[in-house]
């Protein structure tokens, strides 16, 4: 009986600890994605250095209204992200307190996570990896505000 109770207690402790870690991981993934948005909204590159891996691969498409078409595939490594963030909203004309800041986390595993960010510039699908206990953005696929979006029904 004592062995049974000890086993039950250890299982309960393990499950509780795992639940706390997953909740912390989910919060950390959301925080990294919010840092990504605020890097641009606040022209604050310290947030990029905190939450984006130096090997970042960011690629996507901008819709040019005057031409009524999407750009060719645009690439942005980490150094170009930093340069853009410094100037993109430096005067506060592109984003403000009422600009959208939405983070939807699709999945968090022990080493990888996937999320979607919706911001004034459009949508970004973000891949993150956990390195030395810290969640870092490593891949971003983005586009200007979509003309349509379809999701799978469950």
Foldseek 3Di string as FASTA:
>chain_A
DVVVVVVVVVVVVVVVVVVVVVVVQVVQVLQLLLLLQCLQQVVPCVSQVQAADQLAWEWEWEQDPVVRGIDDIDTDGPVNSNVCSNPNCVVPPQDDPPWDWDKAWDDDDPFKTWIWTQTSQAIKIWIWTADPNHIHTRYIYTYGHDPDDDDDDD
